Amino acid sequence: MKIYLALTAVVFGLLTVMHLWRMVAESTSLARDPWFLAITLISAGLCLWAVRLLLAQRRSNH
């Protein structure tokens, strides 16, 4: 389960970082696109959720 949570956090984290980088590099018009913004926020939330679950699992194992 640890590998799955770590991989999930990395994948959604990379998606979030790439979306933020694309907003800065290309133009601010992407920041006004509701779908692009929603996907960015959802991926950031899923990344944080996976990190939180991974940390909670580590604490419960010790």
N, C-alpha and C. Protein backbone atom coordinates (compact mmCIF):
# COMPACT_ATOMS: atom_id res chain seq x y z
N MET A 1 0.82 -1.20 0.00
CA MET A 1 0.00 0.00 0.00
C MET A 1 0.86 1.26 0.00
N LYS A 2 2.04 1.17 0.65
CA LYS A 2 2.92 2.34 0.69
C LYS A 2 3.38 2.76 -0.70
N ILE A 3 3.72 1.78 -1.51
CA ILE A 3 4.19 2.09 -2.87
C ILE A 3 3.08 2.75 -3.67
N TYR A 4 1.87 2.24 -3.54
CA TYR A 4 0.73 2.82 -4.26
C TYR A 4 0.50 4.27 -3.84
N LEU A 5 0.51 4.53 -2.54
CA LEU A 5 0.29 5.90 -2.06
C LEU A 5 1.41 6.83 -2.49
N ALA A 6 2.65 6.35 -2.43
CA ALA A 6 3.77 7.18 -2.85
C ALA A 6 3.69 7.49 -4.34
N LEU A 7 3.38 6.49 -5.14
CA LEU A 7 3.27 6.69 -6.58
C LEU A 7 2.11 7.63 -6.91
N THR A 8 0.99 7.47 -6.22
CA THR A 8 -0.15 8.35 -6.43
C THR A 8 0.21 9.80 -6.09
N ALA A 9 0.90 10.00 -4.98
CA ALA A 9 1.32 11.35 -4.60
C ALA A 9 2.25 11.96 -5.63
N VAL A 10 3.17 11.17 -6.13
CA VAL A 10 4.12 11.67 -7.13
C VAL A 10 3.41 12.02 -8.44
N VAL A 11 2.54 11.15 -8.91
CA VAL A 11 1.85 11.39 -10.18
C VAL A 11 0.98 12.64 -10.10
N PHE A 12 0.18 12.75 -9.06
CA PHE A 12 -0.69 13.93 -8.95
C PHE A 12 0.11 15.19 -8.63
N GLY A 13 1.21 15.04 -7.91
CA GLY A 13 2.08 16.18 -7.65
C GLY A 13 2.71 16.69 -8.93
N LEU A 14 3.19 15.78 -9.77
CA LEU A 14 3.78 16.19 -11.05
C LEU A 14 2.74 16.84 -11.96
N LEU A 15 1.53 16.30 -11.97
CA LEU A 15 0.46 16.90 -12.77
C LEU A 15 0.18 18.33 -12.30
N THR A 16 0.14 18.52 -11.01
CA THR A 16 -0.11 19.86 -10.45
C THR A 16 1.02 20.81 -10.81
N VAL A 17 2.26 20.37 -10.64
CA VAL A 17 3.41 21.22 -10.95
C VAL A 17 3.43 21.58 -12.44
N MET A 18 3.16 20.61 -13.29
CA MET A 18 3.15 20.88 -14.73
C MET A 18 2.03 21.86 -15.11
N HIS A 19 0.89 21.73 -14.49
CA HIS A 19 -0.19 22.67 -14.77
C HIS A 19 0.19 24.08 -14.33
N LEU A 20 0.77 24.19 -13.14
CA LEU A 20 1.18 25.52 -12.67
C LEU A 20 2.27 26.11 -13.56
N TRP A 21 3.22 25.26 -13.98
CA TRP A 21 4.28 25.73 -14.86
C TRP A 21 3.71 26.19 -16.20
N ARG A 22 2.74 25.42 -16.71
CA ARG A 22 2.12 25.78 -18.00
C ARG A 22 1.36 27.10 -17.89
N MET A 23 0.69 27.34 -16.75
CA MET A 23 -0.01 28.61 -16.56
C MET A 23 0.95 29.78 -16.58
N VAL A 24 2.12 29.60 -15.97
CA VAL A 24 3.10 30.68 -15.93
C VAL A 24 3.79 30.84 -17.28
N ALA A 25 4.17 29.75 -17.91
CA ALA A 25 4.95 29.80 -19.15
C ALA A 25 4.14 30.25 -20.35
N GLU A 26 2.93 29.75 -20.49
CA GLU A 26 2.17 30.05 -21.69
C GLU A 26 1.43 31.38 -21.60
N SER A 27 0.52 31.46 -20.68
CA SER A 27 -0.22 32.71 -20.51
C SER A 27 -1.13 32.59 -19.31
N THR A 28 -1.66 33.71 -18.92
CA THR A 28 -2.58 33.69 -17.79
C THR A 28 -4.00 33.32 -18.22
N SER A 29 -4.22 33.14 -19.52
CA SER A 29 -5.57 32.77 -19.98
C SER A 29 -5.94 31.37 -19.48
N LEU A 30 -4.93 30.52 -19.26
CA LEU A 30 -5.23 29.19 -18.70
C LEU A 30 -5.76 29.30 -17.28
N ALA A 31 -5.32 30.31 -16.55
CA ALA A 31 -5.78 30.50 -15.18
C ALA A 31 -7.26 30.89 -15.14
N ARG A 32 -7.78 31.35 -16.25
CA ARG A 32 -9.19 31.72 -16.32
C ARG A 32 -10.07 30.61 -16.89
N ASP A 33 -9.45 29.54 -17.37
CA ASP A 33 -10.20 28.41 -17.92
C ASP A 33 -10.69 27.55 -16.76
N PRO A 34 -12.00 27.45 -16.56
CA PRO A 34 -12.51 26.73 -15.38
C PRO A 34 -12.14 25.25 -15.36
N TRP A 35 -12.10 24.59 -16.51
CA TRP A 35 -11.75 23.16 -16.54
C TRP A 35 -10.29 22.94 -16.18
N PHE A 36 -9.43 23.76 -16.73
CA PHE A 36 -8.00 23.64 -16.44
C PHE A 36 -7.74 23.91 -14.96
N LEU A 37 -8.37 24.91 -14.44
CA LEU A 37 -8.23 25.26 -13.03
C LEU A 37 -8.80 24.16 -12.13
N ALA A 38 -9.94 23.60 -12.51
CA ALA A 38 -10.55 22.52 -11.71
C ALA A 38 -9.65 21.28 -11.68
N ILE A 39 -9.09 20.91 -12.83
CA ILE A 39 -8.20 19.76 -12.87
C ILE A 39 -6.96 20.00 -12.03
N THR A 40 -6.44 21.21 -12.07
CA THR A 40 -5.26 21.56 -11.27
C THR A 40 -5.57 21.46 -9.78
N LEU A 41 -6.68 22.00 -9.36
CA LEU A 41 -7.05 21.96 -7.94
C LEU A 41 -7.37 20.54 -7.47
N ILE A 42 -8.04 19.78 -8.31
CA ILE A 42 -8.36 18.39 -7.94
C ILE A 42 -7.09 17.56 -7.83
N SER A 43 -6.17 17.73 -8.77
CA SER A 43 -4.92 16.96 -8.70
C SER A 43 -4.08 17.38 -7.49
N ALA A 44 -4.09 18.65 -7.13
CA ALA A 44 -3.37 19.09 -5.93
C ALA A 44 -4.02 18.48 -4.69
N GLY A 45 -5.33 18.45 -4.65
CA GLY A 45 -6.03 17.85 -3.51
C GLY A 45 -5.76 16.37 -3.38
N LEU A 46 -5.75 15.65 -4.51
CA LEU A 46 -5.47 14.22 -4.47
C LEU A 46 -4.03 13.94 -4.06
N CYS A 47 -3.11 14.80 -4.47
CA CYS A 47 -1.71 14.66 -4.06
C CYS A 47 -1.58 14.84 -2.55
N LEU A 48 -2.20 15.89 -2.03
CA LEU A 48 -2.13 16.14 -0.59
C LEU A 48 -2.81 15.03 0.20
N TRP A 49 -3.89 14.51 -0.31
CA TRP A 49 -4.59 13.42 0.36
C TRP A 49 -3.72 12.16 0.41
N ALA A 50 -3.05 11.85 -0.70
CA ALA A 50 -2.17 10.68 -0.74
C ALA A 50 -0.99 10.86 0.23
N VAL A 51 -0.44 12.06 0.29
CA VAL A 51 0.67 12.33 1.22
C VAL A 51 0.19 12.17 2.66
N ARG A 52 -0.98 12.69 2.95
CA ARG A 52 -1.54 12.58 4.30
C ARG A 52 -1.77 11.13 4.70
N LEU A 53 -2.31 10.33 3.79
CA LEU A 53 -2.53 8.91 4.07
C LEU A 53 -1.20 8.17 4.23
N LEU A 54 -0.22 8.53 3.43
CA LEU A 54 1.10 7.90 3.52
C LEU A 54 1.75 8.21 4.86
N LEU A 55 1.66 9.44 5.30
CA LEU A 55 2.23 9.82 6.60
C LEU A 55 1.48 9.15 7.75
N ALA A 56 0.17 9.06 7.64
CA ALA A 56 -0.62 8.41 8.69
C ALA A 56 -0.29 6.91 8.76
N GLN A 57 -0.06 6.31 7.62
CA GLN A 57 0.29 4.89 7.60
C GLN A 57 1.67 4.68 8.21
N ARG A 58 2.61 5.56 7.94
CA ARG A 58 3.94 5.44 8.53
C ARG A 58 3.90 5.57 10.05
N ARG A 59 3.07 6.51 10.54
CA ARG A 59 2.96 6.71 11.98
C ARG A 59 2.33 5.51 12.68
N SER A 60 1.37 4.89 12.01
CA SER A 60 0.69 3.75 12.63
C SER A 60 1.57 2.50 12.63
N ASN A 61 2.55 2.43 11.76
CA ASN A 61 3.45 1.27 11.71
C ASN A 61 4.55 1.35 12.76
N HIS A 62 4.80 2.52 13.28
CA HIS A 62 5.88 2.66 14.28
C HIS A 62 5.38 2.56 15.67
